[in-house]
């Protein structure tokens, strides 16, 4: 698949979601919550990787995505809370990204104790 087509489809979905979100918060949030980026990434892998490596790569991608979604969830509670407290958007996003990075490392550390290597 030509890379330009992948860019157009992927970026088109992001633009579509942001345009819908400008008109209706709830539907925009539902669309954004769908794992479209992950599904697209796995779809691109399906078409571009062949053989046993294809199955393993897609399975690993889904497995790791599951574990890395967990530490991102608090961000979606922190952002509206900080914004409603009057924080500037830039500081809110920086704080959310730092918190999420810390939670990624913490999640990897905890899961390593259970035999799951994430990093």
C-alpha atoms as a PDB file:
ATOM      1  CA  UNK A   1       0.000   0.000   0.000  1.00  0.00           C
ATOM      2  CA  UNK A   2       1.447   3.390  -0.929  1.00  0.00           C
ATOM      3  CA  UNK A   3       2.537   5.364   2.119  1.00  0.00           C
ATOM      4  CA  UNK A   4       0.743   8.491   0.916  1.00  0.00           C
ATOM      5  CA  UNK A   5      -2.557   6.576   0.971  1.00  0.00           C
ATOM      6  CA  UNK A   6      -1.856   5.482   4.551  1.00  0.00           C
ATOM      7  CA  UNK A   7      -1.164   9.092   5.525  1.00  0.00           C
ATOM      8  CA  UNK A   8      -4.334  10.321   3.832  1.00  0.00           C
ATOM      9  CA  UNK A   9      -6.591   7.724   5.449  1.00  0.00           C
ATOM     10  CA  UNK A  10      -5.041   8.035   8.912  1.00  0.00           C
ATOM     11  CA  UNK A  11      -4.925  11.835   8.957  1.00  0.00           C
ATOM     12  CA  UNK A  12      -8.379  11.996   7.397  1.00  0.00           C
ATOM     13  CA  UNK A  13      -9.805  10.052  10.330  1.00  0.00           C
ATOM     14  CA  UNK A  14      -8.174  12.383  12.841  1.00  0.00           C
ATOM     15  CA  UNK A  15      -9.510  15.461  11.037  1.00  0.00           C
ATOM     16  CA  UNK A  16     -12.966  13.872  10.802  1.00  0.00           C
ATOM     17  CA  UNK A  17     -13.037  13.151  14.534  1.00  0.00           C
ATOM     18  CA  UNK A  18     -11.914  16.671  15.436  1.00  0.00           C
ATOM     19  CA  UNK A  19     -14.534  18.188  13.121  1.00  0.00           C
ATOM     20  CA  UNK A  20     -17.284  16.027  14.631  1.00  0.00           C
ATOM     21  CA  UNK A  21     -16.061  16.903  18.147  1.00  0.00           C
ATOM     22  CA  UNK A  22     -16.380  20.625  17.356  1.00  0.00           C
ATOM     23  CA  UNK A  23     -20.057  20.080  16.610  1.00  0.00           C
ATOM     24  CA  UNK A  24     -20.984  17.543  19.280  1.00  0.00           C
ATOM     25  CA  UNK A  25     -18.850  16.673  22.306  1.00  0.00           C
ATOM     26  CA  UNK A  26     -20.407  13.285  22.969  1.00  0.00           C
ATOM     27  CA  UNK A  27     -20.203  11.848  19.454  1.00  0.00           C
ATOM     28  CA  UNK A  28     -16.699  13.250  19.029  1.00  0.00           C
ATOM     29  CA  UNK A  29     -15.659  11.557  22.263  1.00  0.00           C
ATOM     30  CA  UNK A  30     -17.227   8.252  21.221  1.00  0.00           C
ATOM     31  CA  UNK A  31     -15.346   8.348  17.908  1.00  0.00           C
ATOM     32  CA  UNK A  32     -12.093   9.326  19.625  1.00  0.00           C
ATOM     33  CA  UNK A  33     -12.514   6.535  22.181  1.00  0.00           C
ATOM     34  CA  UNK A  34     -12.710   3.897  19.483  1.00  0.00           C
ATOM     35  CA  UNK A  35      -9.330   2.277  18.952  1.00  0.00           C
ATOM     36  CA  UNK A  36      -9.173   3.450  15.336  1.00  0.00           C
ATOM     37  CA  UNK A  37      -5.452   4.207  15.325  1.00  0.00           C
ATOM     38  CA  UNK A  38      -4.673   0.761  16.703  1.00  0.00           C
ATOM     39  CA  UNK A  39      -7.006  -0.945  14.253  1.00  0.00           C
ATOM     40  CA  UNK A  40      -5.502   1.035  11.378  1.00  0.00           C
ATOM     41  CA  UNK A  41      -1.964   0.174  12.476  1.00  0.00           C
ATOM     42  CA  UNK A  42      -2.856  -3.517  12.652  1.00  0.00           C
ATOM     43  CA  UNK A  43      -4.585  -3.292   9.269  1.00  0.00           C
ATOM     44  CA  UNK A  44      -1.508  -1.697   7.690  1.00  0.00           C
ATOM     45  CA  UNK A  45       0.615  -4.495   9.232  1.00  0.00           C
ATOM     46  CA  UNK A  46      -1.809  -7.101   7.867  1.00  0.00           C
ATOM     47  CA  UNK A  47      -1.394  -5.831   4.317  1.00  0.00           C
ATOM     48  CA  UNK A  48       2.337  -5.137   4.489  1.00  0.00           C
ATOM     49  CA  UNK A  49       3.785  -8.022   6.529  1.00  0.00           C
ATOM     50  CA  UNK A  50       3.386 -11.570   5.299  1.00  0.00           C
ATOM     51  CA  UNK A  51       3.827 -15.005   6.800  1.00  0.00           C
ATOM     52  CA  UNK A  52       4.163 -15.989  10.439  1.00  0.00           C
ATOM     53  CA  UNK A  53       5.763 -12.653  11.283  1.00  0.00           C
ATOM     54  CA  UNK A  54       2.469 -10.952  10.352  1.00  0.00           C
ATOM     55  CA  UNK A  55       0.466 -12.862  12.946  1.00  0.00           C
ATOM     56  CA  UNK A  56       3.095 -12.354  15.642  1.00  0.00           C
ATOM     57  CA  UNK A  57       3.489  -8.620  14.966  1.00  0.00           C
ATOM     58  CA  UNK A  58      -0.265  -7.975  15.012  1.00  0.00           C
ATOM     59  CA  UNK A  59      -0.773 -10.102  18.128  1.00  0.00           C
ATOM     60  CA  UNK A  60       2.079  -8.321  19.926  1.00  0.00           C
ATOM     61  CA  UNK A  61       0.735  -4.925  18.900  1.00  0.00           C
ATOM     62  CA  UNK A  62      -2.705  -5.723  20.345  1.00  0.00           C
ATOM     63  CA  UNK A  63      -1.152  -7.202  23.520  1.00  0.00           C
ATOM     64  CA  UNK A  64       1.091  -4.214  24.262  1.00  0.00           C
ATOM     65  CA  UNK A  65      -1.622  -1.728  23.339  1.00  0.00           C
ATOM     66  CA  UNK A  66      -3.880  -3.268  25.984  1.00  0.00           C
ATOM     67  CA  UNK A  67      -1.273  -2.784  28.702  1.00  0.00           C
ATOM     68  CA  UNK A  68      -0.400   0.753  27.607  1.00  0.00           C
ATOM     69  CA  UNK A  69      -4.005   1.938  27.463  1.00  0.00           C
ATOM     70  CA  UNK A  70      -4.307   1.421  31.223  1.00  0.00           C
ATOM     71  CA  UNK A  71      -1.808   4.157  32.252  1.00  0.00           C
ATOM     72  CA  UNK A  72      -3.367   6.641  29.816  1.00  0.00           C
ATOM     73  CA  UNK A  73      -6.813   6.481  31.404  1.00  0.00           C
ATOM     74  CA  UNK A  74      -6.118   8.835  34.357  1.00  0.00           C
ATOM     75  CA  UNK A  75      -5.083  11.514  31.857  1.00  0.00           C
ATOM     76  CA  UNK A  76      -8.667  11.772  30.656  1.00  0.00           C
ATOM     77  CA  UNK A  77      -9.770  12.580  34.198  1.00  0.00           C
ATOM     78  CA  UNK A  78      -6.883  14.941  34.950  1.00  0.00           C
ATOM     79  CA  UNK A  79      -7.310  17.101  31.826  1.00  0.00           C
ATOM     80  CA  UNK A  80     -10.912  18.233  32.432  1.00  0.00           C
ATOM     81  CA  UNK A  81     -10.239  18.685  36.151  1.00  0.00           C
ATOM     82  CA  UNK A  82      -7.230  20.962  35.560  1.00  0.00           C
ATOM     83  CA  UNK A  83      -8.948  22.894  32.773  1.00  0.00           C
ATOM     84  CA  UNK A  84     -11.951  23.564  35.018  1.00  0.00           C
ATOM     85  CA  UNK A  85      -9.546  24.741  37.733  1.00  0.00           C
ATOM     86  CA  UNK A  86      -8.413  27.456  35.305  1.00  0.00           C
ATOM     87  CA  UNK A  87      -5.080  26.003  34.221  1.00  0.00           C
ATOM     88  CA  UNK A  88      -3.739  27.079  30.813  1.00  0.00           C
ATOM     89  CA  UNK A  89      -4.148  24.397  28.141  1.00  0.00           C
ATOM     90  CA  UNK A  90      -0.391  24.120  27.568  1.00  0.00           C
ATOM     91  CA  UNK A  91       0.329  23.446  31.248  1.00  0.00           C
ATOM     92  CA  UNK A  92      -2.540  20.979  31.405  1.00  0.00           C
ATOM     93  CA  UNK A  93      -1.167  19.002  28.469  1.00  0.00           C
ATOM     94  CA  UNK A  94       2.388  19.077  29.826  1.00  0.00           C
ATOM     95  CA  UNK A  95       1.177  17.866  33.227  1.00  0.00           C
ATOM     96  CA  UNK A  96      -0.961  15.138  31.624  1.00  0.00           C
ATOM     97  CA  UNK A  97       1.932  13.944  29.452  1.00  0.00           C
ATOM     98  CA  UNK A  98       4.378  13.843  32.374  1.00  0.00           C
ATOM     99  CA  UNK A  99       1.855  12.002  34.543  1.00  0.00           C
ATOM    100  CA  UNK A 100       1.178   9.513  31.744  1.00  0.00           C
ATOM    101  CA  UNK A 101       4.901   8.911  31.186  1.00  0.00           C
ATOM    102  CA  UNK A 102       5.373   8.264  34.905  1.00  0.00           C
ATOM    103  CA  UNK A 103       2.399   5.886  34.869  1.00  0.00           C
ATOM    104  CA  UNK A 104       3.852   4.080  31.798  1.00  0.00           C
ATOM    105  CA  UNK A 105       7.086   3.440  33.686  1.00  0.00           C
ATOM    106  CA  UNK A 106       5.204   2.432  36.839  1.00  0.00           C
ATOM    107  CA  UNK A 107       2.957   0.069  34.864  1.00  0.00           C
ATOM    108  CA  UNK A 108       5.983  -1.524  33.171  1.00  0.00           C
ATOM    109  CA  UNK A 109       7.699  -1.927  36.551  1.00  0.00           C
ATOM    110  CA  UNK A 110       4.622  -3.516  38.143  1.00  0.00           C
ATOM    111  CA  UNK A 111       3.947  -5.819  35.200  1.00  0.00           C
ATOM    112  CA  UNK A 112       7.580  -6.947  35.114  1.00  0.00           C
ATOM    113  CA  UNK A 113       7.018  -8.352  38.615  1.00  0.00           C
ATOM    114  CA  UNK A 114       4.279 -10.550  37.057  1.00  0.00           C
ATOM    115  CA  UNK A 115       6.501 -11.668  34.183  1.00  0.00           C
ATOM    116  CA  UNK A 116       5.116  -9.265  31.565  1.00  0.00           C
ATOM    117  CA  UNK A 117       7.911  -7.317  29.818  1.00  0.00           C
ATOM    118  CA  UNK A 118       6.516  -4.070  28.448  1.00  0.00           C
ATOM    119  CA  UNK A 119       9.680  -2.027  27.957  1.00  0.00           C
END
